[in-house]
Amino acid sequence: MALYHFHVSRVSRGAGQSAVASAAYRAGEKLEDEYYGEVADYTNKGGVIESEILVPEYVPDRLKDRKTLWNEVEQIEKHPQAQLAYSFDIALQNELSMEENIALAREFVTKEFVARGMIADLAIHAPEKDGGVQNPHFHVLCPIRPVTNDREWGAKQRRKYVMDDNGEVQQKPDGTKAFNAVPTTDWGRPETLEDWRKVWAEMVNEYFKVREISASIDNRSYADQGIEKLAQVHEGPSVRQMEQRGIATRKGSLNRWINEINRMHRELGIKISELVEWIKEMKIEMNALKEEYKKPSLGEIVIQYYDARNKIADTYDRGRKKAKITNAKGMLETTNFLSGNKIFTVDNLEMVIDTSNKKLHTITDSMKQKEKRIKELDAFVKYASWYEEGLLIQQLVSKQKFTKKKDDLESQYHAELIKFRTAKRILKENGISDLTPRKWIHEKAEIQASYDMEYAKLKDIRSMVKELNKVKKIVNDVMAKNEPSKKREVER
């Protein structure tokens, strides 16, 4: 199945990240990080089948070396919270051969990144024979700071002074000139990212078309595509491997649940849309009937339908009694459905179809919001755990009077401290100062209970649509018999 995944993030020193370590991980190499005085060794990492650095023509040759490139990036950025690189994670396609995927990735990176003046460290990951990464994909790491035509590192931002009505530079309260920091490139603009996402989808689809592959991908979100679909949670290689071995996991079970809901949304959306169109046509045809058949009640239509079926049953040599019992049961069920829902006329029927359609959209929107909040709460609980565990280590490091002891502790608890800094930043960005994991877990349980109730309402709508389609069949059949000159399709 063709897959669209195009994710971009930033490697940031403020989040405890290293450009050198990030590059080593993606390329599956061993690189010395001169800024932190550490060695990042990922030579045992599986799944990396190719890596290369692509650069504009004017970039000096020394920056084609991975160790030199990313150590220079680390050294040129002086701020302790500096953003170092853009990190792209893009899915390749199982419908294409690995050679075609590699050519596609290289073409995209060359045309869209390198042509804009970006240095691109490309690494392609693919499945290993013993499992490894399940889906082929590629990573691209690009320095945020550009290299100028003079073959030197340029500025990430420039000053744009704020002018007053007289054309003079405004002064800040401290007497300095007021200015805004303006990026020197368009690489970080949301519009640029959307262009890249669109171009990638177009390139993949063109590959499919040329190779006569009946598949396609779409860069738009489900909402933008008009698809009422809930997004699955990311499983990761370890979860997928466990699922393949028949071991049920929490994420795997959740995705199966989401798949079932998506299938029901899709099925109901199609069926209700068909009912909406059908009832419009039916009202037009009923208004065009002869006076004696004009706007008959649905009860009368049901009686006509089952009377006709009983007449057919009378012609049976065997099974006549059983057929009439079945007809009587069907008539009773349909009549009870119509009366129970106050459906007596075609206008009533149209109203019920419209109401069902609105309910479906309301429930779908509500479930999307609930799922989004559940994911947020899960993330907050995780980051709270990282923060609380890392805080103790950070306090221990801060208490040390000797640099050597501090360095040893930071090296020993490197992973925990990175998680601590990441959690601190994300919690701050979300305005969270008080860590209340129990409260979050309780809120999640309440939302999940409400989510389950809405799922039950979806099943009620599905039952309603099933009965409405039975009524549709009955009306179609009777209308076709009442007006034989009209060629109507009778659903069997």
Protein backbone atom coordinates (compact mmCIF):
# COMPACT_ATOMS: atom_id res chain seq x y z
CA MET A 1 0.00 0.00 0.00
CA ALA A 2 1.42 3.40 -1.01
CA LEU A 3 2.40 5.41 2.05
CA TYR A 4 2.76 9.17 2.56
CA HIS A 5 4.96 10.23 5.44
CA PHE A 6 6.92 13.50 5.35
CA HIS A 7 8.07 14.81 8.72
CA VAL A 8 10.49 17.64 9.52
CA SER A 9 11.92 18.69 12.87
CA ARG A 10 14.94 20.64 14.08
CA VAL A 11 18.05 19.36 15.82
CA SER A 12 18.49 21.76 18.72
CA ARG A 13 21.22 22.12 21.31
CA GLY A 14 18.56 23.49 23.65
CA ALA A 15 16.88 20.07 23.55
CA GLY A 16 20.16 18.39 24.47
CA GLN A 17 20.76 17.24 20.89
CA SER A 18 23.99 17.03 18.94
CA ALA A 19 24.30 17.49 15.16
CA VAL A 20 27.27 15.12 15.08
CA ALA A 21 25.44 12.38 16.99
CA SER A 22 22.34 12.87 14.82
CA ALA A 23 24.40 12.47 11.65
CA ALA A 24 26.21 9.42 13.02
CA TYR A 25 22.93 7.74 13.91
CA ARG A 26 21.37 8.33 10.49
CA ALA A 27 24.46 7.23 8.58
CA GLY A 28 25.27 4.31 10.89
CA GLU A 29 28.82 5.60 11.46
CA LYS A 30 31.25 6.41 14.26
CA LEU A 31 31.91 10.15 14.56
CA GLU A 32 33.85 12.17 17.13
CA ASP A 33 31.91 15.13 18.49
CA GLU A 34 34.51 17.83 19.19
CA TYR A 35 31.98 20.23 20.77
CA TYR A 36 30.91 17.79 23.50
CA GLY A 37 34.15 15.81 23.55
CA GLU A 38 32.27 12.55 22.95
CA VAL A 39 32.20 9.76 20.39
CA ALA A 40 28.91 8.79 18.75
CA ASP A 41 29.22 5.19 17.57
CA TYR A 42 26.34 3.72 15.58
CA THR A 43 28.33 1.29 13.44
CA ASN A 44 26.26 -1.60 14.81
CA LYS A 45 23.00 0.01 13.76
CA GLY A 46 21.24 -2.02 11.09
CA GLY A 47 19.10 -0.94 8.19
CA VAL A 48 21.37 1.74 6.67
CA ILE A 49 22.03 0.82 3.05
CA GLU A 50 23.44 4.07 1.66
CA SER A 51 24.48 7.55 2.75
CA GLU A 52 26.01 10.54 0.99
CA ILE A 53 26.39 14.29 1.28
CA LEU A 54 25.00 16.40 -1.56
CA VAL A 55 26.09 20.06 -1.81
CA PRO A 56 25.73 23.07 -4.12
CA GLU A 57 28.67 23.62 -6.51
CA TYR A 58 30.16 26.54 -4.53
CA VAL A 59 30.39 24.65 -1.23
CA PRO A 60 34.03 23.74 -0.36
CA ASP A 61 35.00 20.08 -0.70
CA ARG A 62 35.89 19.76 3.00
CA LEU A 63 32.17 19.96 3.84
CA LYS A 64 31.51 16.78 1.86
CA ASP A 65 33.11 14.93 4.76
CA ARG A 66 30.50 14.06 7.39
CA LYS A 67 32.74 14.51 10.44
CA THR A 68 34.08 17.87 9.21
CA LEU A 69 30.67 19.16 8.17
CA TRP A 70 28.83 18.56 11.42
CA ASN A 71 31.70 19.51 13.69
CA GLU A 72 31.92 22.83 11.86
CA VAL A 73 28.17 23.28 12.35
CA GLU A 74 28.61 22.67 16.07
CA GLN A 75 31.54 25.10 16.29
CA ILE A 76 29.99 27.93 14.25
CA GLU A 77 26.87 27.96 16.47
CA LYS A 78 27.89 29.69 19.71
CA HIS A 79 24.56 29.96 21.52
CA PRO A 80 23.90 27.22 24.14
CA GLN A 81 20.31 26.89 22.86
CA ALA A 82 21.20 27.06 19.16
CA GLN A 83 19.20 25.30 16.48
CA LEU A 84 21.63 23.30 14.39
CA ALA A 85 19.89 21.43 11.56
CA TYR A 86 16.65 20.56 9.82
CA SER A 87 15.89 16.85 10.06
CA PHE A 88 13.64 15.25 7.42
CA ASP A 89 12.12 11.77 7.70
CA ILE A 90 10.38 10.68 4.48
CA ALA A 91 8.77 7.35 3.57
CA LEU A 92 9.83 5.48 0.44
CA GLN A 93 7.45 3.20 -1.44
CA ASN A 94 7.23 -0.60 -1.32
CA GLU A 95 5.71 -0.53 -4.81
CA LEU A 96 9.08 0.64 -6.20
CA SER A 97 12.35 -1.27 -6.29
CA MET A 98 15.10 -0.15 -3.92
CA GLU A 99 17.09 1.19 -6.89
CA GLU A 100 14.10 3.26 -7.95
CA ASN A 101 13.56 4.49 -4.38
CA ILE A 102 17.19 5.56 -4.08
CA ALA A 103 17.03 7.40 -7.41
CA LEU A 104 13.76 9.07 -6.36
CA ALA A 105 15.17 10.22 -3.01
CA ARG A 106 18.36 11.57 -4.60
CA GLU A 107 16.38 13.39 -7.31
CA PHE A 108 14.07 15.02 -4.76
CA VAL A 109 16.91 16.11 -2.46
CA THR A 110 18.94 17.50 -5.37
CA LYS A 111 16.07 19.46 -6.94
CA GLU A 112 14.40 20.72 -3.79
CA PHE A 113 17.16 21.10 -1.17
CA VAL A 114 20.52 21.42 -2.92
CA ALA A 115 19.08 23.70 -5.61
CA ARG A 116 17.99 26.07 -2.81
CA GLY A 117 21.55 26.24 -1.49
CA MET A 118 21.15 23.61 1.24
CA ILE A 119 23.76 21.05 2.21
CA ALA A 120 21.98 17.70 2.43
CA ASP A 121 23.28 14.69 4.37
CA LEU A 122 21.18 11.87 2.89
CA ALA A 123 20.82 8.42 4.49
CA ILE A 124 18.58 5.67 3.12
CA HIS A 125 17.24 3.01 5.47
CA ALA A 126 15.66 -0.26 4.35
CA PRO A 127 14.64 -3.68 5.79
CA GLU A 128 17.32 -6.13 6.85
CA LYS A 129 17.04 -9.85 6.21
CA ASP A 130 16.51 -10.60 9.91
CA GLY A 131 13.84 -7.97 10.43
CA GLY A 132 15.37 -4.53 10.86
CA VAL A 133 13.45 -1.46 9.75
CA GLN A 134 10.14 -2.59 8.27
CA ASN A 135 9.39 0.28 5.89
CA PRO A 136 11.99 1.81 3.56
CA HIS A 137 12.54 5.51 4.20
CA PHE A 138 15.21 8.16 4.03
CA HIS A 139 16.59 10.80 6.36
CA VAL A 140 18.03 14.16 5.34
CA LEU A 141 19.99 16.37 7.73
CA CYS A 142 20.53 19.96 6.52
CA PRO A 143 22.43 22.71 8.39
CA ILE A 144 20.16 25.65 9.18
CA ARG A 145 23.03 28.10 8.62
CA PRO A 146 23.70 28.57 4.89
CA VAL A 147 27.04 28.65 3.08
CA THR A 148 27.48 31.77 0.94
CA ASN A 149 28.79 32.03 -2.61
CA ASP A 150 32.07 33.14 -0.98
CA ARG A 151 32.38 29.55 0.32
CA GLU A 152 32.00 30.70 3.94
CA TRP A 153 29.34 30.07 6.56
CA GLY A 154 26.74 32.82 6.30
CA ALA A 155 24.24 34.32 8.76
CA LYS A 156 21.00 32.59 9.71
CA GLN A 157 19.27 35.91 10.34
CA ARG A 158 19.65 39.59 9.53
CA ARG A 159 18.37 42.67 11.30
CA LYS A 160 15.42 44.60 9.88
CA TYR A 161 15.14 47.86 11.77
CA VAL A 162 11.71 49.10 12.85
CA MET A 163 10.93 52.53 11.38
CA ASP A 164 8.56 55.16 12.75
CA ASP A 165 6.15 57.33 10.74
CA ASN A 166 8.95 59.81 9.97
CA GLY A 167 11.18 57.14 8.49
CA GLU A 168 13.49 57.13 11.52
CA VAL A 169 14.63 54.00 13.33
CA GLN A 170 12.58 53.48 16.48
CA GLN A 171 14.37 53.37 19.82
CA LYS A 172 13.74 50.76 22.49
CA PRO A 173 13.33 51.87 26.16
CA ASP A 174 17.00 51.05 26.82
CA GLY A 175 18.07 53.39 24.02
CA THR A 176 19.09 50.72 21.51
CA LYS A 177 17.65 50.51 18.01
CA ALA A 178 14.51 48.40 17.59
CA PHE A 179 14.72 45.63 15.03
CA ASN A 180 13.20 42.32 13.98
CA ALA A 181 15.29 39.25 13.21
CA VAL A 182 14.53 38.09 9.67
CA PRO A 183 15.74 34.70 8.36
CA THR A 184 18.20 34.92 5.47
CA THR A 185 16.60 31.90 3.76
CA ASP A 186 13.05 30.64 3.21
CA TRP A 187 13.94 27.10 4.33
CA GLY A 188 12.04 27.33 7.61
CA ARG A 189 8.86 28.93 6.28
CA PRO A 190 5.63 26.88 6.58
CA GLU A 191 4.87 27.68 2.93
CA THR A 192 8.19 26.15 1.88
CA LEU A 193 7.47 22.98 3.82
CA GLU A 194 4.04 22.69 2.20
CA ASP A 195 5.66 23.11 -1.22
CA TRP A 196 8.12 20.32 -0.42
CA ARG A 197 5.36 18.04 0.80
CA LYS A 198 3.35 18.65 -2.37
CA VAL A 199 6.33 18.20 -4.71
CA TRP A 200 7.28 14.92 -3.02
CA ALA A 201 3.76 13.53 -3.55
CA GLU A 202 3.79 14.66 -7.19
CA MET A 203 7.19 13.06 -7.86
CA VAL A 204 6.16 9.74 -6.30
CA ASN A 205 2.87 9.69 -8.22
CA GLU A 206 4.72 10.45 -11.46
CA TYR A 207 7.03 7.49 -10.78
CA PHE A 208 3.95 5.32 -10.26
CA LYS A 209 2.35 6.61 -13.46
CA VAL A 210 5.42 6.04 -15.65
CA ARG A 211 5.82 2.52 -14.25
CA GLU A 212 2.07 1.82 -14.67
CA ILE A 213 1.57 1.20 -10.96
CA SER A 214 -2.03 1.70 -9.79
CA ALA A 215 -1.18 3.55 -6.58
CA SER A 216 -0.89 7.14 -5.41
CA ILE A 217 -0.12 9.22 -2.34
CA ASP A 218 -1.57 12.53 -1.14
CA ASN A 219 0.32 15.19 0.81
CA ARG A 220 -2.88 16.68 2.24
CA SER A 221 -4.14 15.85 5.71
CA TYR A 222 -7.25 13.68 6.03
CA ALA A 223 -9.26 16.79 6.90
CA ASP A 224 -8.01 18.68 3.83
CA GLN A 225 -8.86 15.68 1.66
CA GLY A 226 -12.38 15.65 3.08
CA ILE A 227 -11.73 12.27 4.68
CA GLU A 228 -13.18 11.81 8.15
CA LYS A 229 -10.48 9.50 9.35
CA LEU A 230 -8.68 9.17 12.66
CA ALA A 231 -4.89 9.04 12.56
CA GLN A 232 -3.13 5.91 13.80
CA VAL A 233 -0.44 6.04 16.45
CA HIS A 234 3.18 5.46 15.42
CA GLU A 235 4.14 1.91 16.30
CA GLY A 236 7.88 1.77 15.68
CA PRO A 237 9.98 -1.22 14.55
CA SER A 238 9.92 -3.09 17.89
CA VAL A 239 6.11 -2.96 18.16
CA ARG A 240 5.66 -4.05 14.54
CA GLN A 241 8.07 -6.97 15.03
CA MET A 242 6.15 -8.13 18.13
CA GLU A 243 2.86 -7.88 16.24
CA GLN A 244 4.31 -9.93 13.37
CA ARG A 245 5.25 -12.65 15.85
CA GLY A 246 1.65 -12.76 17.07
CA ILE A 247 2.30 -10.80 20.27
CA ALA A 248 -0.50 -8.28 20.85
CA THR A 249 0.76 -4.87 21.97
CA ARG A 250 -1.06 -1.84 23.38
CA LYS A 251 -0.22 0.30 20.34
CA GLY A 252 -1.09 -2.51 17.95
CA SER A 253 -4.45 -3.06 19.64
CA LEU A 254 -5.13 0.68 19.59
CA ASN A 255 -4.40 0.85 15.86
CA ARG A 256 -6.72 -2.09 15.20
CA TRP A 257 -9.40 -0.23 17.15
CA ILE A 258 -8.77 2.94 15.13
CA ASN A 259 -8.87 0.91 11.90
CA GLU A 260 -12.29 -0.44 12.85
CA ILE A 261 -13.58 3.07 13.60
CA ASN A 262 -12.14 4.41 10.34
CA ARG A 263 -13.75 1.57 8.41
CA MET A 264 -17.11 2.32 10.03
CA HIS A 265 -16.78 6.07 9.35
CA ARG A 266 -15.94 5.40 5.71
CA GLU A 267 -18.75 2.87 5.26
CA LEU A 268 -21.35 5.10 6.91
CA GLY A 269 -20.20 8.19 5.03
CA ILE A 270 -20.66 6.44 1.69
CA LYS A 271 -24.01 4.87 2.55
CA ILE A 272 -25.53 8.03 3.99
CA SER A 273 -24.35 10.05 0.99
CA GLU A 274 -26.08 7.54 -1.27
CA LEU A 275 -29.26 7.81 0.79
CA VAL A 276 -29.18 11.63 0.63
CA GLU A 277 -28.95 11.57 -3.17
CA TRP A 278 -31.57 8.83 -3.47
CA ILE A 279 -34.19 10.62 -1.35
CA LYS A 280 -33.82 13.78 -3.46
CA GLU A 281 -34.47 11.83 -6.65
CA MET A 282 -37.32 9.89 -5.05
CA LYS A 283 -39.17 13.06 -4.02
CA ILE A 284 -38.94 14.37 -7.57
CA GLU A 285 -40.32 11.11 -8.99
CA MET A 286 -43.13 10.92 -6.44
CA ASN A 287 -44.23 14.44 -7.29
CA ALA A 288 -44.37 13.40 -10.96
CA LEU A 289 -46.63 10.37 -10.33
CA LYS A 290 -50.32 10.23 -11.24
CA GLU A 291 -52.67 11.71 -8.66
CA GLU A 292 -53.67 8.36 -7.20
CA TYR A 293 -50.04 7.53 -6.41
CA LYS A 294 -48.97 10.99 -5.37
CA LYS A 295 -47.09 11.10 -2.07
CA PRO A 296 -48.30 7.77 -0.66
CA SER A 297 -47.49 7.13 2.98
CA LEU A 298 -44.58 4.82 3.68
CA GLY A 299 -46.96 2.51 5.53
CA GLU A 300 -48.98 2.08 2.32
CA ILE A 301 -45.81 1.42 0.36
CA VAL A 302 -44.73 -1.26 2.84
CA ILE A 303 -48.14 -2.96 2.62
CA GLN A 304 -47.99 -2.93 -1.20
CA TYR A 305 -44.49 -4.39 -1.13
CA TYR A 306 -45.34 -7.32 1.15
CA ASP A 307 -48.70 -7.96 -0.54
CA ALA A 308 -46.80 -8.36 -3.79
CA ARG A 309 -44.35 -10.77 -2.12
CA ASN A 310 -47.23 -12.83 -0.69
CA LYS A 311 -48.80 -13.09 -4.13
CA ILE A 312 -45.53 -14.45 -5.43
CA ALA A 313 -45.43 -16.89 -2.48
CA ASP A 314 -48.88 -18.18 -3.47
CA THR A 315 -47.37 -19.46 -6.72
CA TYR A 316 -44.83 -21.67 -4.88
CA ASP A 317 -45.32 -25.44 -5.01
CA ARG A 318 -43.39 -25.78 -1.77
CA GLY A 319 -42.35 -23.37 0.99
CA ARG A 320 -45.40 -21.14 0.62
CA LYS A 321 -46.12 -21.06 4.36
CA LYS A 322 -42.49 -20.41 5.30
CA ALA A 323 -42.24 -17.56 2.76
CA LYS A 324 -45.40 -15.91 4.11
CA ILE A 325 -44.09 -16.19 7.68
CA THR A 326 -40.84 -14.55 6.58
CA ASN A 327 -42.82 -11.80 4.83
CA ALA A 328 -44.95 -11.20 7.91
CA LYS A 329 -41.84 -10.96 10.09
CA GLY A 330 -40.18 -8.54 7.65
CA MET A 331 -43.31 -6.39 7.44
CA LEU A 332 -43.57 -6.23 11.23
CA GLU A 333 -39.90 -5.25 11.63
CA THR A 334 -40.12 -2.52 8.96
CA THR A 335 -43.40 -1.16 10.33
CA ASN A 336 -42.00 -1.07 13.87
CA PHE A 337 -38.88 0.72 12.62
CA LEU A 338 -40.92 3.35 10.77
CA SER A 339 -43.39 3.98 13.58
CA GLY A 340 -40.70 3.89 16.26
CA ASN A 341 -38.81 6.64 14.45
CA LYS A 342 -41.97 8.57 13.44
CA ILE A 343 -41.30 7.99 9.75
CA PHE A 344 -44.68 8.15 8.01
CA THR A 345 -43.90 10.07 4.82
CA VAL A 346 -41.02 10.55 2.42
CA ASP A 347 -40.45 13.95 4.01
CA ASN A 348 -40.07 12.25 7.40
CA LEU A 349 -37.65 9.79 5.83
CA GLU A 350 -35.59 12.64 4.38
CA MET A 351 -35.42 14.28 7.80
CA VAL A 352 -34.17 11.08 9.47
CA ILE A 353 -31.48 10.61 6.79
CA ASP A 354 -30.37 14.23 7.23
CA THR A 355 -30.28 13.84 11.03
CA SER A 356 -28.21 10.65 10.75
CA ASN A 357 -25.78 12.44 8.45
CA LYS A 358 -25.37 15.33 10.90
CA LYS A 359 -24.91 12.94 13.83
CA LEU A 360 -22.18 11.09 11.96
CA HIS A 361 -20.23 14.31 11.32
CA THR A 362 -20.70 15.52 14.90
CA ILE A 363 -19.50 12.23 16.39
CA THR A 364 -16.56 12.05 14.00
CA ASP A 365 -15.39 15.57 14.89
CA SER A 366 -15.79 14.86 18.59
CA MET A 367 -13.85 11.60 18.41
CA LYS A 368 -11.00 13.33 16.57
CA GLN A 369 -10.72 15.93 19.32
CA LYS A 370 -10.82 13.28 22.03
CA GLU A 371 -8.13 11.22 20.35
CA LYS A 372 -5.93 14.31 20.00
CA ARG A 373 -6.33 15.07 23.71
CA ILE A 374 -5.62 11.45 24.70
CA LYS A 375 -2.32 11.60 22.77
CA GLU A 376 -1.45 14.90 24.48
CA LEU A 377 -2.12 13.46 27.91
CA ASP A 378 -0.03 10.35 27.16
CA ALA A 379 2.82 12.62 26.08
CA PHE A 380 2.53 14.79 29.20
CA VAL A 381 2.68 11.72 31.45
CA LYS A 382 5.77 10.47 29.61
CA TYR A 383 7.54 13.83 29.74
CA ALA A 384 6.67 14.27 33.42
CA SER A 385 8.37 10.93 34.09
CA TRP A 386 11.45 12.00 32.11
CA TYR A 387 11.56 15.33 33.94
CA GLU A 388 11.24 13.90 37.44
CA GLU A 389 13.85 11.20 36.83
CA GLY A 390 16.27 13.60 35.16
CA LEU A 391 15.80 16.37 37.73
CA LEU A 392 17.39 14.26 40.46
CA ILE A 393 20.37 13.55 38.21
CA GLN A 394 20.67 17.22 37.20
CA GLN A 395 20.65 18.27 40.86
CA LEU A 396 23.34 15.68 41.61
CA VAL A 397 25.50 17.02 38.77
CA SER A 398 25.02 20.63 39.87
CA LYS A 399 26.19 19.83 43.41
CA GLN A 400 29.58 18.60 42.20
CA LYS A 401 32.40 21.06 42.85
CA PHE A 402 34.93 19.49 40.50
CA THR A 403 34.59 19.69 36.71
CA LYS A 404 35.93 16.16 36.24
CA LYS A 405 33.25 14.71 38.51
CA LYS A 406 30.54 16.72 36.74
CA ASP A 407 31.75 15.54 33.32
CA ASP A 408 31.83 11.92 34.48
CA LEU A 409 28.26 12.11 35.78
CA GLU A 410 27.00 13.85 32.63
CA SER A 411 28.65 11.16 30.52
CA GLN A 412 27.22 8.37 32.67
CA TYR A 413 23.68 9.77 32.57
CA HIS A 414 23.86 11.33 29.09
CA ALA A 415 20.62 9.72 27.82
CA GLU A 416 18.66 10.60 30.98
CA LEU A 417 19.83 14.22 30.87
CA ILE A 418 18.84 14.57 27.21
CA LYS A 419 15.37 13.29 28.09
CA PHE A 420 15.24 15.71 31.04
CA ARG A 421 16.10 18.73 28.86
CA THR A 422 13.68 17.63 26.14
CA ALA A 423 10.86 17.17 28.67
CA LYS A 424 11.64 20.52 30.32
CA ARG A 425 11.45 22.34 26.99
CA ILE A 426 8.25 20.65 25.78
CA LEU A 427 6.44 21.06 29.09
CA LYS A 428 7.41 24.74 29.14
CA GLU A 429 6.23 25.22 25.55
CA ASN A 430 2.85 23.79 26.57
CA GLY A 431 2.60 26.14 29.55
CA ILE A 432 2.87 23.32 32.10
CA SER A 433 4.53 24.32 35.35
CA ASP A 434 2.84 21.84 37.70
CA LEU A 435 3.36 18.16 36.98
CA THR A 436 0.09 16.33 37.67
CA PRO A 437 0.42 12.88 36.04
CA ARG A 438 -2.35 11.36 38.19
CA LYS A 439 -4.73 14.11 37.12
CA TRP A 440 -3.77 13.56 33.45
CA ILE A 441 -4.30 9.80 33.76
CA HIS A 442 -7.71 10.39 35.35
CA GLU A 443 -8.68 12.86 32.60
CA LYS A 444 -7.59 10.35 29.96
CA ALA A 445 -9.75 7.63 31.54
CA GLU A 446 -12.78 9.96 31.48
CA ILE A 447 -12.17 10.92 27.85
CA GLN A 448 -11.68 7.27 26.89
CA ALA A 449 -15.01 6.36 28.50
CA SER A 450 -16.73 9.13 26.54
CA TYR A 451 -14.89 8.00 23.40
CA ASP A 452 -16.22 4.46 23.88
CA MET A 453 -19.77 5.82 24.28
CA GLU A 454 -19.44 7.67 20.98
CA TYR A 455 -18.25 4.46 19.34
CA ALA A 456 -21.46 2.83 20.57
CA LYS A 457 -23.41 5.72 19.00
CA LEU A 458 -21.62 5.03 15.71
CA LYS A 459 -22.89 1.46 15.85
CA ASP A 460 -26.42 2.80 16.48
CA ILE A 461 -26.10 4.94 13.35
CA ARG A 462 -24.90 1.90 11.42
CA SER A 463 -28.02 -0.02 12.52
CA MET A 464 -30.20 2.94 11.53
CA VAL A 465 -28.55 3.12 8.08
CA LYS A 466 -29.06 -0.61 7.60
CA GLU A 467 -32.81 -0.22 8.21
CA LEU A 468 -32.98 2.88 6.02
CA ASN A 469 -31.47 0.91 3.16
CA LYS A 470 -34.17 -1.74 3.61
CA VAL A 471 -36.80 0.99 3.30
CA LYS A 472 -35.00 2.31 0.23
CA LYS A 473 -35.23 -1.11 -1.41
CA ILE A 474 -38.95 -1.40 -0.60
CA VAL A 475 -39.73 2.08 -1.98
CA ASN A 476 -37.69 1.46 -5.13
CA ASP A 477 -39.50 -1.82 -5.77
CA VAL A 478 -43.00 -0.40 -5.30
CA MET A 479 -42.26 2.75 -7.30
CA ALA A 480 -40.94 0.68 -10.20
CA LYS A 481 -44.15 -1.39 -10.23
CA ASN A 482 -46.41 1.66 -9.96
CA GLU A 483 -44.68 3.42 -12.83
CA PRO A 484 -43.33 0.71 -15.16
CA SER A 485 -42.51 3.26 -17.85
CA LYS A 486 -39.74 4.56 -15.61
CA LYS A 487 -36.70 2.38 -15.71
CA ARG A 488 -35.56 2.07 -12.12
CA GLU A 489 -32.92 -0.16 -10.72
CA VAL A 490 -34.42 -2.47 -8.12
CA GLU A 491 -31.85 -3.52 -5.55
CA ARG A 492 -31.75 -7.23 -4.98
